[in-house]
Amino acid sequence: MNIKELLLNGKSFSELLKQFSIDAADVRIQDEETILSDQFLKHQEIVKESICIEAKNKDGIVNFFGTLHYNLLNKLAVFEMLGFEKVLVSE
């Protein structure tokens, strides 16, 4: 199970996407493969990692910056947003 699926299991991340009119299919967690494959993670139950989540909506791209709290044992993930930026796409 990937991080995005785990985040979508919780209500707060889904609500965040709704606020910005973003569909879950248009969300990408930068460096997700690196985060999940890190050898250091294999020796920890709970991980706290700074991440950027890139998402697209009809107006352009929204980058969410924050901290991912990930419990490997229970397969739970929570995103704590610290800020965001909007990159508008002009036509």
N, C-alpha and C. Protein backbone atom coordinates (compact mmCIF):
# COMPACT_ATOMS: atom_id res chain seq x y z
N MET A 1 0.84 -1.18 0.00
CA MET A 1 0.00 0.00 0.00
C MET A 1 0.89 1.25 0.00
N ASN A 2 0.58 2.21 -0.88
CA ASN A 2 1.43 3.40 -0.95
C ASN A 2 0.93 4.48 0.02
N ILE A 3 1.72 5.52 0.16
CA ILE A 3 1.43 6.57 1.14
C ILE A 3 0.14 7.30 0.78
N LYS A 4 -0.06 7.57 -0.50
CA LYS A 4 -1.27 8.29 -0.91
C LYS A 4 -2.53 7.52 -0.50
N GLU A 5 -2.55 6.22 -0.71
CA GLU A 5 -3.70 5.40 -0.31
C GLU A 5 -3.92 5.46 1.20
N LEU A 6 -2.84 5.42 1.96
CA LEU A 6 -2.97 5.49 3.41
C LEU A 6 -3.50 6.85 3.85
N LEU A 7 -3.02 7.92 3.22
CA LEU A 7 -3.51 9.25 3.56
C LEU A 7 -4.99 9.40 3.22
N LEU A 8 -5.41 8.82 2.10
CA LEU A 8 -6.81 8.92 1.69
C LEU A 8 -7.75 8.13 2.58
N ASN A 9 -7.22 7.19 3.36
CA ASN A 9 -8.04 6.45 4.33
C ASN A 9 -8.52 7.35 5.46
N GLY A 10 -7.81 8.43 5.69
CA GLY A 10 -8.21 9.38 6.74
C GLY A 10 -9.05 10.50 6.17
N LYS A 11 -9.87 11.08 6.98
CA LYS A 11 -10.78 12.13 6.53
C LYS A 11 -10.08 13.47 6.31
N SER A 12 -9.09 13.79 7.10
CA SER A 12 -8.48 15.12 7.02
C SER A 12 -7.79 15.37 5.68
N PHE A 13 -7.10 14.38 5.15
CA PHE A 13 -6.42 14.57 3.86
C PHE A 13 -7.44 14.69 2.73
N SER A 14 -8.48 13.90 2.78
CA SER A 14 -9.55 13.99 1.78
C SER A 14 -10.22 15.37 1.83
N GLU A 15 -10.43 15.89 3.01
CA GLU A 15 -11.02 17.23 3.17
C GLU A 15 -10.10 18.31 2.62
N LEU A 16 -8.80 18.15 2.82
CA LEU A 16 -7.83 19.09 2.28
C LEU A 16 -7.93 19.14 0.75
N LEU A 17 -8.03 17.98 0.14
CA LEU A 17 -8.15 17.92 -1.32
C LEU A 17 -9.44 18.59 -1.79
N LYS A 18 -10.53 18.38 -1.06
CA LYS A 18 -11.81 19.01 -1.41
C LYS A 18 -11.72 20.53 -1.35
N GLN A 19 -11.02 21.05 -0.36
CA GLN A 19 -10.89 22.50 -0.20
C GLN A 19 -10.22 23.14 -1.42
N PHE A 20 -9.32 22.40 -2.05
CA PHE A 20 -8.60 22.91 -3.21
C PHE A 20 -9.14 22.37 -4.53
N SER A 21 -10.29 21.68 -4.49
CA SER A 21 -10.92 21.09 -5.69
C SER A 21 -9.96 20.18 -6.44
N ILE A 22 -9.36 19.26 -5.71
CA ILE A 22 -8.38 18.34 -6.28
C ILE A 22 -8.93 16.92 -6.22
N ASP A 23 -8.81 16.21 -7.32
CA ASP A 23 -9.19 14.81 -7.38
C ASP A 23 -8.02 13.96 -6.89
N ALA A 24 -8.31 12.91 -6.16
CA ALA A 24 -7.26 12.05 -5.60
C ALA A 24 -6.33 11.48 -6.68
N ALA A 25 -6.85 11.27 -7.87
CA ALA A 25 -6.02 10.73 -8.97
C ALA A 25 -4.96 11.72 -9.42
N ASP A 26 -5.14 13.00 -9.10
CA ASP A 26 -4.21 14.04 -9.53
C ASP A 26 -3.21 14.43 -8.45
N VAL A 27 -2.96 13.52 -7.52
CA VAL A 27 -2.05 13.76 -6.40
C VAL A 27 -0.81 12.89 -6.57
N ARG A 28 0.36 13.50 -6.36
CA ARG A 28 1.62 12.75 -6.42
C ARG A 28 2.49 13.17 -5.25
N ILE A 29 2.98 12.20 -4.52
CA ILE A 29 3.88 12.47 -3.41
C ILE A 29 5.30 12.38 -3.92
N GLN A 30 6.00 13.51 -3.87
CA GLN A 30 7.36 13.54 -4.39
C GLN A 30 8.27 12.65 -3.56
N ASP A 31 9.11 11.90 -4.25
CA ASP A 31 10.10 11.00 -3.64
C ASP A 31 9.48 9.89 -2.80
N GLU A 32 8.25 9.49 -3.12
CA GLU A 32 7.58 8.44 -2.35
C GLU A 32 8.36 7.13 -2.37
N GLU A 33 8.89 6.78 -3.52
CA GLU A 33 9.64 5.52 -3.63
C GLU A 33 10.86 5.55 -2.72
N THR A 34 11.51 6.70 -2.67
CA THR A 34 12.70 6.84 -1.82
C THR A 34 12.34 6.72 -0.35
N ILE A 35 11.24 7.36 0.03
CA ILE A 35 10.80 7.31 1.42
C ILE A 35 10.50 5.88 1.84
N LEU A 36 9.79 5.15 0.99
CA LEU A 36 9.38 3.79 1.34
C LEU A 36 10.50 2.77 1.24
N SER A 37 11.51 3.05 0.42
CA SER A 37 12.57 2.06 0.23
C SER A 37 13.79 2.30 1.10
N ASP A 38 13.78 3.37 1.85
CA ASP A 38 14.92 3.73 2.69
C ASP A 38 15.23 2.60 3.67
N GLN A 39 16.47 2.18 3.70
CA GLN A 39 16.90 1.10 4.59
C GLN A 39 16.71 1.49 6.06
N PHE A 40 16.81 2.78 6.36
CA PHE A 40 16.65 3.25 7.73
C PHE A 40 15.25 2.99 8.24
N LEU A 41 14.25 3.07 7.35
CA LEU A 41 12.86 2.86 7.76
C LEU A 41 12.59 1.45 8.25
N LYS A 42 13.35 0.50 7.76
CA LYS A 42 13.12 -0.89 8.11
C LYS A 42 13.41 -1.18 9.58
N HIS A 43 14.06 -0.24 10.24
CA HIS A 43 14.39 -0.44 11.65
C HIS A 43 13.58 0.47 12.56
N GLN A 44 12.54 1.11 12.00
CA GLN A 44 11.70 2.00 12.79
C GLN A 44 10.24 1.63 12.61
N GLU A 45 9.48 1.80 13.66
CA GLU A 45 8.03 1.58 13.57
C GLU A 45 7.33 2.85 13.09
N ILE A 46 7.74 4.01 13.61
CA ILE A 46 7.10 5.27 13.27
C ILE A 46 8.12 6.17 12.57
N VAL A 47 7.68 6.77 11.45
CA VAL A 47 8.54 7.62 10.65
C VAL A 47 7.95 9.03 10.61
N LYS A 48 8.82 10.01 10.69
CA LYS A 48 8.42 11.41 10.55
C LYS A 48 9.33 11.98 9.47
N GLU A 49 8.73 12.43 8.36
CA GLU A 49 9.50 12.83 7.19
C GLU A 49 8.91 14.12 6.60
N SER A 50 9.76 15.07 6.23
CA SER A 50 9.30 16.26 5.52
C SER A 50 9.05 15.88 4.07
N ILE A 51 7.87 16.27 3.56
CA ILE A 51 7.53 15.88 2.19
C ILE A 51 6.85 17.04 1.45
N CYS A 52 6.79 16.87 0.14
CA CYS A 52 6.03 17.76 -0.73
C CYS A 52 5.03 16.91 -1.50
N ILE A 53 3.79 17.33 -1.49
CA ILE A 53 2.74 16.64 -2.23
C ILE A 53 2.31 17.57 -3.36
N GLU A 54 2.44 17.08 -4.59
CA GLU A 54 2.07 17.86 -5.76
C GLU A 54 0.70 17.42 -6.24
N ALA A 55 -0.19 18.37 -6.47
CA ALA A 55 -1.55 18.05 -6.91
C ALA A 55 -1.97 19.03 -8.00
N LYS A 56 -2.86 18.56 -8.87
CA LYS A 56 -3.35 19.40 -9.96
C LYS A 56 -4.85 19.61 -9.82
N ASN A 57 -5.27 20.84 -10.11
CA ASN A 57 -6.70 21.13 -10.21
C ASN A 57 -6.92 21.92 -11.50
N LYS A 58 -8.11 22.42 -11.71
CA LYS A 58 -8.41 23.09 -12.98
C LYS A 58 -7.63 24.38 -13.17
N ASP A 59 -7.16 24.98 -12.09
CA ASP A 59 -6.42 26.24 -12.16
C ASP A 59 -4.92 26.07 -12.33
N GLY A 60 -4.40 24.91 -12.01
CA GLY A 60 -2.95 24.69 -12.11
C GLY A 60 -2.47 23.65 -11.13
N ILE A 61 -1.33 23.91 -10.55
CA ILE A 61 -0.68 22.96 -9.63
C ILE A 61 -0.65 23.57 -8.23
N VAL A 62 -0.92 22.72 -7.25
CA VAL A 62 -0.83 23.12 -5.85
C VAL A 62 0.21 22.20 -5.19
N ASN A 63 1.21 22.80 -4.58
CA ASN A 63 2.21 22.04 -3.83
C ASN A 63 1.95 22.22 -2.35
N PHE A 64 1.77 21.10 -1.67
CA PHE A 64 1.57 21.11 -0.22
C PHE A 64 2.88 20.71 0.44
N PHE A 65 3.33 21.48 1.39
CA PHE A 65 4.56 21.19 2.12
C PHE A 65 4.19 20.85 3.56
N GLY A 66 4.84 19.84 4.09
CA GLY A 66 4.54 19.48 5.48
C GLY A 66 5.30 18.25 5.94
N THR A 67 4.77 17.67 7.00
CA THR A 67 5.41 16.51 7.62
C THR A 67 4.49 15.31 7.51
N LEU A 68 5.06 14.21 7.06
CA LEU A 68 4.35 12.94 7.00
C LEU A 68 4.67 12.16 8.27
N HIS A 69 3.64 11.75 8.97
CA HIS A 69 3.79 10.87 10.13
C HIS A 69 3.26 9.52 9.66
N TYR A 70 4.12 8.51 9.64
CA TYR A 70 3.80 7.22 9.04
C TYR A 70 4.11 6.11 10.03
N ASN A 71 3.11 5.32 10.37
CA ASN A 71 3.28 4.19 11.28
C ASN A 71 3.35 2.92 10.44
N LEU A 72 4.54 2.36 10.34
CA LEU A 72 4.75 1.19 9.49
C LEU A 72 4.02 -0.04 10.01
N LEU A 73 3.94 -0.18 11.31
CA LEU A 73 3.32 -1.35 11.90
C LEU A 73 1.81 -1.38 11.65
N ASN A 74 1.15 -0.25 11.87
CA ASN A 74 -0.30 -0.19 11.74
C ASN A 74 -0.78 0.30 10.38
N LYS A 75 0.15 0.61 9.49
CA LYS A 75 -0.20 1.10 8.14
C LYS A 75 -1.09 2.33 8.21
N LEU A 76 -0.66 3.32 8.99
CA LEU A 76 -1.37 4.59 9.12
C LEU A 76 -0.48 5.73 8.67
N ALA A 77 -1.08 6.74 8.06
CA ALA A 77 -0.32 7.91 7.64
C ALA A 77 -1.15 9.17 7.88
N VAL A 78 -0.48 10.21 8.35
CA VAL A 78 -1.11 11.50 8.59
C VAL A 78 -0.19 12.56 8.00
N PHE A 79 -0.78 13.52 7.28
CA PHE A 79 -0.03 14.63 6.72
C PHE A 79 -0.32 15.89 7.53
N GLU A 80 0.73 16.50 8.06
CA GLU A 80 0.62 17.74 8.81
C GLU A 80 1.12 18.87 7.90
N MET A 81 0.17 19.64 7.35
CA MET A 81 0.53 20.67 6.39
C MET A 81 1.13 21.88 7.09
N LEU A 82 2.26 22.34 6.55
CA LEU A 82 2.93 23.52 7.07
C LEU A 82 2.72 24.72 6.15
N GLY A 83 2.40 24.44 4.88
CA GLY A 83 2.18 25.52 3.93
C GLY A 83 1.89 24.97 2.55
N PHE A 84 1.57 25.88 1.63
CA PHE A 84 1.30 25.46 0.26
C PHE A 84 1.62 26.60 -0.69
N GLU A 85 1.77 26.26 -1.96
CA GLU A 85 1.93 27.26 -3.01
C GLU A 85 1.09 26.86 -4.20
N LYS A 86 0.55 27.86 -4.87
CA LYS A 86 -0.24 27.62 -6.08
C LYS A 86 0.57 28.10 -7.27
N VAL A 87 0.64 27.25 -8.29
CA VAL A 87 1.30 27.59 -9.54
C VAL A 87 0.20 27.62 -10.59
N LEU A 88 -0.19 28.81 -11.00
CA LEU A 88 -1.30 28.96 -11.94
C LEU A 88 -0.82 28.67 -13.36
N VAL A 89 -1.65 27.99 -14.11
CA VAL A 89 -1.34 27.67 -15.49
C VAL A 89 -2.13 28.63 -16.36
N SER A 90 -1.44 29.42 -17.14
CA SER A 90 -2.13 30.34 -18.04
C SER A 90 -2.37 29.66 -19.38
N GLU A 91 -3.49 29.97 -19.98
CA GLU A 91 -3.85 29.32 -21.24
C GLU A 91 -3.40 30.11 -22.43
